[in-house]
Amino acid sequence: MIETPPLVDQYCHGVLRTELGLGTFESQLIPSAGPPAAGTTFFDTQAGFAVRRWCPPLLGLEPHCAPVRYLARRRELGVVEAGRRLLRGSGTSAYLVDTGAPGDLTGPKELSLAGDAEAHELVRLELLAEQVADTSGTVAAFLANLSEALHHAAAGAVAFTCGADAGAGSPSLGAALALAPEPPGPGEVRGAAGRWLAGRAKGEAVRDPVLLRHLLWSAVASGLPLQLHTGTGEEGAPERGDPASLTAFVRATAGLGTRLVLLGGHPYHRQAARLAAVFPHVHVDLGLALAYTGARAAAVLAELLEVAPFGKLLYSSGGRRLPELHAVGALVFREALGRVLGGWVADGAWSWRDADRVAAMIAADNARRVYRLDERG
């Protein structure tokens, strides 16, 4: 049996504080722009089946129980106790929490208490810029305040994350960086900031790709790891595209000392793994590549292990809003890792010692090294 240490969940969100009914619960199971089609349910997905397989035993029920029965037990325990059991049942020792997601979600401290684990903040660049814009009246004030806010955030966070594409009417993150990967000049930044602030004053939700590049390069200059979302977007967001579209930016940041972590690469996980193999500063997150593939997670994990160096792969649950997704991410990962590495040991391709060592790297050790978690008090 493959042994793994307590997991470091290197990318997740907080969980909802409110009780959920059947319809509201299932709407959170997969990233989607709307409810399930008439006559269907999101429980009939790999994620839905994985929740029914792994979560009921954590709440005292048999695996694969009916959704109605599971949710009745969840309400009986209450949202706080159910969340506590699910998070602690995941075997996670540390959460890295993106605090930029919308909704009434728990923050890092609450997740830490519920899960009996460490919790550290990931600062979302776009949200930070929006918060600064709301308190800055002019372009000059905005840019000065943004620089100060980035410096302050870097002192407390473990990483920056960029979680959205450039917005309606603008090129995606990958497209913007492919066209112009280098840092924008001061004049470009002032012009972009002016356009963006004017648009916000009119209630427009358009992000300027030049300002986005400025945020990314400011994050690079901080020296903290930078997470870049690729592949399928979160909850209703459009598909962000092939990680290979970030190659120009990856190449431009090589040798600068900032580690890049590619998030959510599925179904482009092999391309993300290839970038990690080619560039020393690039790493690959496993979260969305495994969490939504359920019973197929072992096959997807094996494909990543075919391409990426093992020291470049980082476990995450990708969990958001439902504590079930944090738990499923962890339990599916452990099962898939055991199946893949255990199979290679059984075939004589690997030794047990090497399998356990690589499992520990992916489960926790790589993340602790990349984010320097052991240097934090």
Protein backbone atom coordinates (compact mmCIF):
# COMPACT_ATOMS: atom_id res chain seq x y z
CA MET A 1 0.00 0.00 0.00
CA ILE A 2 1.31 3.44 -0.95
CA GLU A 3 1.88 5.67 2.07
CA THR A 4 1.31 9.42 1.86
CA PRO A 5 1.89 12.08 4.53
CA PRO A 6 -0.90 14.49 5.50
CA LEU A 7 -1.72 16.43 2.35
CA VAL A 8 -0.91 20.03 1.48
CA ASP A 9 -3.90 21.33 -0.49
CA GLN A 10 -2.08 23.89 -2.60
CA TYR A 11 -5.21 25.46 -4.13
CA CYS A 12 -8.73 25.69 -2.79
CA HIS A 13 -11.46 28.13 -1.79
CA GLY A 14 -13.41 28.47 1.43
CA VAL A 15 -16.74 26.72 1.98
CA LEU A 16 -20.27 28.08 2.20
CA ARG A 17 -21.53 28.97 5.66
CA THR A 18 -25.18 28.33 4.79
CA GLU A 19 -27.31 25.18 4.71
CA LEU A 20 -28.14 23.95 1.21
CA GLY A 21 -31.13 22.26 -0.33
CA LEU A 22 -30.93 19.56 -3.00
CA GLY A 23 -31.05 21.92 -5.98
CA THR A 24 -28.60 24.42 -4.52
CA PHE A 25 -26.20 21.67 -3.47
CA GLU A 26 -26.06 19.95 -6.83
CA SER A 27 -25.54 23.26 -8.63
CA GLN A 28 -22.16 23.48 -6.84
CA LEU A 29 -20.93 20.04 -7.88
CA ILE A 30 -19.35 21.07 -11.18
CA PRO A 31 -18.33 24.37 -12.81
CA SER A 32 -21.35 25.34 -14.87
CA ALA A 33 -22.95 28.44 -16.35
CA GLY A 34 -26.38 27.37 -15.09
CA PRO A 35 -28.52 24.62 -13.58
CA PRO A 36 -28.65 21.10 -15.04
CA ALA A 37 -30.77 20.58 -18.12
CA ALA A 38 -34.41 19.64 -17.52
CA GLY A 39 -34.73 16.00 -16.54
CA THR A 40 -31.06 15.66 -15.61
CA THR A 41 -28.95 16.13 -12.51
CA PHE A 42 -25.34 17.09 -11.80
CA PHE A 43 -25.20 14.10 -9.46
CA ASP A 44 -24.94 12.09 -12.71
CA THR A 45 -21.37 13.26 -13.30
CA GLN A 46 -18.01 11.89 -12.25
CA ALA A 47 -17.91 14.52 -9.50
CA GLY A 48 -21.41 13.60 -8.32
CA PHE A 49 -20.62 9.91 -8.19
CA ALA A 50 -17.36 10.62 -6.37
CA VAL A 51 -19.20 12.62 -3.71
CA ARG A 52 -21.65 9.73 -3.21
CA ARG A 53 -18.75 7.25 -3.01
CA TRP A 54 -16.42 9.04 -0.59
CA CYS A 55 -18.45 11.47 1.51
CA PRO A 56 -21.31 9.42 3.07
CA PRO A 57 -18.94 7.33 5.26
CA LEU A 58 -17.50 10.54 6.71
CA LEU A 59 -21.02 11.44 7.89
CA GLY A 60 -21.89 7.95 9.15
CA LEU A 61 -23.68 6.61 6.05
CA GLU A 62 -22.94 3.82 3.59
CA PRO A 63 -21.13 4.64 0.34
CA HIS A 64 -23.28 5.40 -2.71
CA CYS A 65 -26.36 6.31 -0.70
CA ALA A 66 -29.07 8.34 -2.44
CA PRO A 67 -28.50 12.10 -2.66
CA VAL A 68 -31.70 12.83 -0.74
CA ARG A 69 -30.59 10.62 2.15
CA TYR A 70 -27.12 12.12 2.16
CA LEU A 71 -28.43 15.68 2.31
CA ALA A 72 -30.89 14.76 5.05
CA ARG A 73 -27.95 13.49 7.14
CA ARG A 74 -26.02 16.66 6.31
CA ARG A 75 -28.90 18.82 7.59
CA GLU A 76 -29.24 16.63 10.69
CA LEU A 77 -25.60 17.25 11.60
CA GLY A 78 -25.72 20.93 10.68
CA VAL A 79 -23.50 22.79 8.24
CA VAL A 80 -20.71 23.39 10.78
CA GLU A 81 -20.41 19.79 12.04
CA ALA A 82 -20.82 18.28 8.58
CA GLY A 83 -18.11 20.56 7.24
CA ARG A 84 -15.81 19.73 10.14
CA ARG A 85 -16.18 15.97 9.56
CA LEU A 86 -15.65 16.26 5.82
CA LEU A 87 -12.59 18.49 6.04
CA ARG A 88 -10.94 16.47 8.80
CA GLY A 89 -11.73 13.26 6.97
CA SER A 90 -9.63 14.41 4.03
CA GLY A 91 -6.34 13.97 5.89
CA THR A 92 -5.15 17.46 4.97
CA SER A 93 -2.52 19.25 7.05
CA ALA A 94 -2.45 22.60 5.23
CA TYR A 95 -4.76 24.60 2.97
CA LEU A 96 -3.70 27.36 0.58
CA VAL A 97 -6.87 29.39 0.19
CA ASP A 98 -7.80 31.67 -2.71
CA THR A 99 -9.75 34.45 -0.97
CA GLY A 100 -10.92 36.06 -4.22
CA ALA A 101 -13.96 33.88 -4.94
CA PRO A 102 -17.42 35.46 -4.59
CA GLY A 103 -19.98 34.37 -2.00
CA ASP A 104 -20.31 33.95 1.75
CA LEU A 105 -17.29 31.68 2.11
CA THR A 106 -15.08 30.85 5.06
CA GLY A 107 -11.66 32.49 5.12
CA PRO A 108 -8.33 30.81 5.87
CA LYS A 109 -8.71 31.05 9.66
CA GLU A 110 -12.16 29.44 9.64
CA LEU A 111 -10.99 26.71 7.27
CA SER A 112 -8.02 26.10 9.54
CA LEU A 113 -10.25 25.64 12.60
CA ALA A 114 -12.78 23.45 10.80
CA GLY A 115 -10.15 21.24 9.21
CA ASP A 116 -7.70 21.22 12.14
CA ALA A 117 -4.97 22.25 9.72
CA GLU A 118 -2.71 25.12 8.74
CA ALA A 119 -4.21 27.64 6.34
CA HIS A 120 -2.45 30.28 4.25
CA GLU A 121 -3.78 32.97 1.93
CA LEU A 122 -3.50 33.14 -1.85
CA VAL A 123 -4.09 36.72 -3.03
CA ARG A 124 -6.06 37.07 -6.26
CA LEU A 125 -4.56 39.86 -8.34
CA GLU A 126 -7.75 40.99 -10.07
CA LEU A 127 -9.69 41.36 -6.84
CA LEU A 128 -6.82 43.27 -5.24
CA ALA A 129 -6.86 45.73 -8.15
CA GLU A 130 -10.63 46.15 -7.86
CA GLN A 131 -10.40 46.85 -4.14
CA VAL A 132 -7.71 49.47 -4.74
CA ALA A 133 -9.70 51.07 -7.55
CA ASP A 134 -12.70 51.53 -5.24
CA THR A 135 -10.64 53.75 -2.93
CA SER A 136 -8.57 55.62 -5.54
CA GLY A 137 -9.93 58.69 -7.31
CA THR A 138 -7.27 59.23 -9.96
CA VAL A 139 -4.99 57.17 -12.16
CA ALA A 140 -1.92 58.32 -10.25
CA ALA A 141 -3.50 57.48 -6.90
CA PHE A 142 -4.66 54.10 -8.20
CA LEU A 143 -1.21 53.08 -9.44
CA ALA A 144 0.52 54.28 -6.27
CA ASN A 145 -2.02 52.55 -4.03
CA LEU A 146 -1.84 49.39 -6.14
CA SER A 147 1.92 49.21 -5.72
CA GLU A 148 1.56 49.61 -1.96
CA ALA A 149 -1.23 47.02 -1.80
CA LEU A 150 0.83 44.48 -3.74
CA HIS A 151 3.79 45.03 -1.42
CA HIS A 152 1.58 44.62 1.66
CA ALA A 153 -0.09 41.49 0.26
CA ALA A 154 3.27 39.90 -0.56
CA ALA A 155 4.30 40.24 3.09
CA GLY A 156 1.43 38.05 4.31
CA ALA A 157 0.43 35.71 1.48
CA VAL A 158 2.17 32.55 0.28
CA ALA A 159 1.46 33.27 -3.40
CA PHE A 160 -0.41 35.40 -5.88
CA THR A 161 -3.02 33.87 -8.15
CA CYS A 162 -4.57 35.11 -11.36
CA GLY A 163 -8.01 33.62 -11.66
CA ALA A 164 -9.94 35.12 -14.56
CA ASP A 165 -9.56 35.85 -18.23
CA ALA A 166 -9.29 39.41 -19.43
CA GLY A 167 -13.04 40.01 -19.52
CA ALA A 168 -15.79 40.61 -22.06
CA GLY A 169 -14.49 41.98 -25.31
CA SER A 170 -10.84 41.41 -24.37
CA PRO A 171 -8.46 38.58 -25.23
CA SER A 172 -8.04 35.74 -22.76
CA LEU A 173 -5.13 35.65 -20.33
CA GLY A 174 -3.23 33.28 -22.57
CA ALA A 175 -3.97 35.26 -25.72
CA ALA A 176 -2.96 38.56 -24.12
CA LEU A 177 0.33 37.14 -22.90
CA ALA A 178 1.03 35.36 -26.18
CA LEU A 179 0.72 38.65 -28.06
CA ALA A 180 2.77 40.69 -25.58
CA PRO A 181 4.43 38.66 -22.82
CA GLU A 182 6.84 41.37 -21.68
CA PRO A 183 6.08 43.95 -18.95
CA PRO A 184 4.12 46.95 -20.30
CA GLY A 185 5.77 50.37 -20.23
CA PRO A 186 4.75 53.12 -17.77
CA GLY A 187 2.78 54.98 -20.43
CA GLU A 188 0.90 51.84 -21.42
CA VAL A 189 0.05 51.14 -17.79
CA ARG A 190 -1.24 54.68 -17.17
CA GLY A 191 -3.38 54.52 -20.29
CA ALA A 192 -4.77 51.10 -19.37
CA ALA A 193 -5.50 52.21 -15.81
CA GLY A 194 -7.34 55.28 -17.11
CA ARG A 195 -9.48 53.22 -19.47
CA TRP A 196 -10.24 50.66 -16.80
CA LEU A 197 -11.17 53.20 -14.12
CA ALA A 198 -13.41 55.05 -16.59
CA GLY A 199 -15.12 51.79 -17.49
CA ARG A 200 -15.65 50.88 -13.84
CA ALA A 201 -17.21 54.31 -13.22
CA LYS A 202 -19.78 53.44 -15.92
CA GLY A 203 -20.45 50.02 -14.41
CA GLU A 204 -18.62 48.12 -17.15
CA ALA A 205 -16.99 44.79 -16.25
CA VAL A 206 -14.12 44.90 -18.74
CA ARG A 207 -10.55 44.08 -17.75
CA ASP A 208 -7.74 45.59 -19.75
CA PRO A 209 -5.09 43.07 -20.91
CA VAL A 210 -2.33 45.67 -20.45
CA LEU A 211 -3.34 46.19 -16.82
CA LEU A 212 -3.52 42.42 -16.39
CA ARG A 213 0.07 42.11 -17.63
CA HIS A 214 1.11 44.86 -15.22
CA LEU A 215 -0.44 42.92 -12.34
CA LEU A 216 1.28 39.70 -13.37
CA TRP A 217 4.70 41.29 -13.73
CA SER A 218 4.26 43.09 -10.40
CA ALA A 219 3.58 39.68 -8.86
CA VAL A 220 6.68 38.26 -10.55
CA ALA A 221 8.75 41.11 -9.10
CA SER A 222 7.56 40.22 -5.58
CA GLY A 223 9.35 36.87 -5.73
CA LEU A 224 6.32 34.96 -4.47
CA PRO A 225 5.05 31.99 -6.50
CA LEU A 226 2.46 32.96 -9.10
CA GLN A 227 -0.47 30.67 -9.93
CA LEU A 228 -1.95 30.93 -13.43
CA HIS A 229 -5.37 29.48 -14.25
CA THR A 230 -5.55 27.55 -17.51
CA GLY A 231 -7.95 25.05 -19.06
CA THR A 232 -11.56 24.92 -17.88
CA GLY A 233 -12.71 27.91 -15.87
CA GLU A 234 -14.45 28.07 -12.52
CA GLU A 235 -18.20 28.22 -12.04
CA GLY A 236 -19.60 29.53 -15.26
CA ALA A 237 -16.34 31.04 -16.50
CA PRO A 238 -15.40 30.34 -20.12
CA GLU A 239 -12.72 27.87 -21.01
CA ARG A 240 -9.39 29.62 -20.64
CA GLY A 241 -7.54 27.56 -23.21
CA ASP A 242 -4.43 25.55 -23.77
CA PRO A 243 -1.60 26.22 -21.25
CA ALA A 244 0.73 26.33 -24.25
CA SER A 245 -0.69 29.79 -24.99
CA LEU A 246 1.27 30.95 -21.92
CA THR A 247 4.58 29.74 -23.33
CA ALA A 248 5.81 33.22 -24.26
CA PHE A 249 5.18 34.50 -20.73
CA VAL A 250 6.75 31.38 -19.24
CA ARG A 251 9.85 31.90 -21.36
CA ALA A 252 9.99 35.62 -20.45
CA THR A 253 9.93 34.85 -16.72
CA ALA A 254 12.57 32.12 -16.83
CA GLY A 255 15.58 32.80 -14.64
CA LEU A 256 13.90 35.54 -12.59
CA GLY A 257 13.45 33.39 -9.49
CA THR A 258 9.63 33.36 -9.46
CA ARG A 259 7.97 29.96 -9.58
CA LEU A 260 4.89 29.58 -11.80
CA VAL A 261 2.18 27.05 -10.96
CA LEU A 262 -0.29 26.14 -13.73
CA LEU A 263 -3.77 25.49 -12.33
CA GLY A 264 -6.74 23.66 -13.79
CA GLY A 265 -5.02 22.31 -16.88
CA HIS A 266 -7.59 19.59 -17.67
CA PRO A 267 -8.26 18.71 -20.48
CA TYR A 268 -4.89 20.23 -21.40
CA HIS A 269 -2.98 18.54 -18.59
CA ARG A 270 -0.37 16.96 -20.84
CA GLN A 271 0.52 20.37 -22.32
CA ALA A 272 0.86 21.81 -18.82
CA ALA A 273 3.05 18.86 -17.82
CA ARG A 274 5.22 19.46 -20.89
CA LEU A 275 5.82 23.08 -19.86
CA ALA A 276 6.87 21.85 -16.42
CA ALA A 277 9.29 19.41 -18.04
CA VAL A 278 10.89 22.11 -20.21
CA PHE A 279 11.07 25.09 -17.84
CA PRO A 280 12.71 24.79 -14.40
CA HIS A 281 10.41 27.38 -12.77
CA VAL A 282 7.11 25.84 -13.92
CA HIS A 283 5.01 23.48 -11.79
CA VAL A 284 1.65 21.79 -12.38
CA ASP A 285 -1.38 21.56 -10.11
CA LEU A 286 -3.33 18.29 -10.05
CA GLY A 287 -6.61 19.64 -8.65
CA LEU A 288 -9.05 20.07 -11.53
CA ALA A 289 -7.28 17.36 -13.50
CA LEU A 290 -8.40 14.81 -10.89
CA ALA A 291 -11.32 16.21 -8.90
CA TYR A 292 -13.80 16.17 -11.77
CA THR A 293 -12.62 12.97 -13.43
CA GLY A 294 -13.64 10.73 -10.51
CA ALA A 295 -13.30 7.07 -11.45
CA ARG A 296 -10.99 8.07 -14.34
CA ALA A 297 -8.60 10.01 -12.08
CA ALA A 298 -5.95 7.29 -12.08
CA ALA A 299 -5.73 7.39 -15.88
CA VAL A 300 -5.35 11.18 -15.89
CA LEU A 301 -2.72 11.04 -13.12
CA ALA A 302 -0.76 8.42 -15.05
CA GLU A 303 -0.71 10.72 -18.09
CA LEU A 304 0.72 13.55 -15.98
CA LEU A 305 3.36 11.23 -14.53
CA GLU A 306 4.36 10.21 -18.06
CA VAL A 307 5.46 13.77 -18.89
CA ALA A 308 6.18 15.97 -15.86
CA PRO A 309 9.15 15.51 -13.52
CA PHE A 310 7.76 14.21 -10.23
CA GLY A 311 9.14 17.17 -8.28
CA LYS A 312 6.98 19.50 -10.38
CA LEU A 313 3.55 18.01 -9.54
CA LEU A 314 1.50 19.52 -6.69
CA TYR A 315 -1.61 18.05 -5.13
CA SER A 316 -4.68 20.20 -4.62
CA SER A 317 -8.34 19.47 -4.10
CA GLY A 318 -9.47 22.50 -6.11
CA GLY A 319 -12.29 22.46 -3.54
CA ARG A 320 -14.72 25.36 -3.59
CA ARG A 321 -17.92 26.17 -1.73
CA LEU A 322 -18.74 22.56 -0.75
CA PRO A 323 -16.53 20.84 1.85
CA GLU A 324 -17.43 17.67 -0.02
CA LEU A 325 -15.21 18.82 -2.89
CA HIS A 326 -12.25 19.30 -0.54
CA ALA A 327 -12.78 15.80 0.81
CA VAL A 328 -13.38 14.18 -2.58
CA GLY A 329 -10.30 15.85 -4.03
CA ALA A 330 -8.15 14.37 -1.29
CA LEU A 331 -9.66 10.90 -1.24
CA VAL A 332 -9.79 10.52 -5.03
CA PHE A 333 -6.16 11.68 -5.22
CA ARG A 334 -5.00 9.11 -2.66
CA GLU A 335 -6.93 6.31 -4.36
CA ALA A 336 -5.64 7.25 -7.82
CA LEU A 337 -2.06 7.62 -6.60
CA GLY A 338 -2.19 4.25 -4.88
CA ARG A 339 -3.64 2.58 -7.95
CA VAL A 340 -1.07 4.03 -10.35
CA LEU A 341 2.10 3.74 -8.26
CA GLY A 342 1.00 0.47 -6.67
CA GLY A 343 0.45 -0.97 -10.14
CA TRP A 344 3.94 0.01 -11.23
CA VAL A 345 5.39 -1.60 -8.10
CA ALA A 346 3.40 -4.77 -8.75
CA ASP A 347 4.74 -4.85 -12.31
CA GLY A 348 8.31 -4.57 -11.00
CA ALA A 349 8.86 -1.19 -12.68
CA TRP A 350 9.20 0.66 -9.36
CA SER A 351 10.29 -0.26 -5.85
CA TRP A 352 8.03 0.35 -2.86
CA ARG A 353 10.59 2.76 -1.44
CA ASP A 354 10.60 4.90 -4.57
CA ALA A 355 6.81 4.80 -4.83
CA ASP A 356 6.40 6.03 -1.25
CA ARG A 357 9.02 8.74 -1.81
CA VAL A 358 7.33 10.08 -4.96
CA ALA A 359 3.91 9.88 -3.30
CA ALA A 360 5.18 12.04 -0.43
CA MET A 361 6.65 14.55 -2.88
CA ILE A 362 3.40 15.04 -4.78
CA ALA A 363 1.15 14.91 -1.72
CA ALA A 364 2.96 17.50 0.37
CA ASP A 365 6.72 17.90 0.02
CA ASN A 366 6.72 19.71 -3.33
CA ALA A 367 4.19 22.28 -2.12
CA ARG A 368 6.05 22.87 1.11
CA ARG A 369 9.20 23.55 -0.91
CA VAL A 370 7.60 25.75 -3.61
CA TYR A 371 5.67 27.90 -1.12
CA ARG A 372 8.35 27.71 1.62
CA LEU A 373 5.73 26.68 4.15
CA ASP A 374 8.26 25.32 6.61
CA GLU A 375 9.88 28.76 6.85
CA ARG A 376 6.65 30.28 8.14
CA GLY A 377 5.86 30.48 11.82
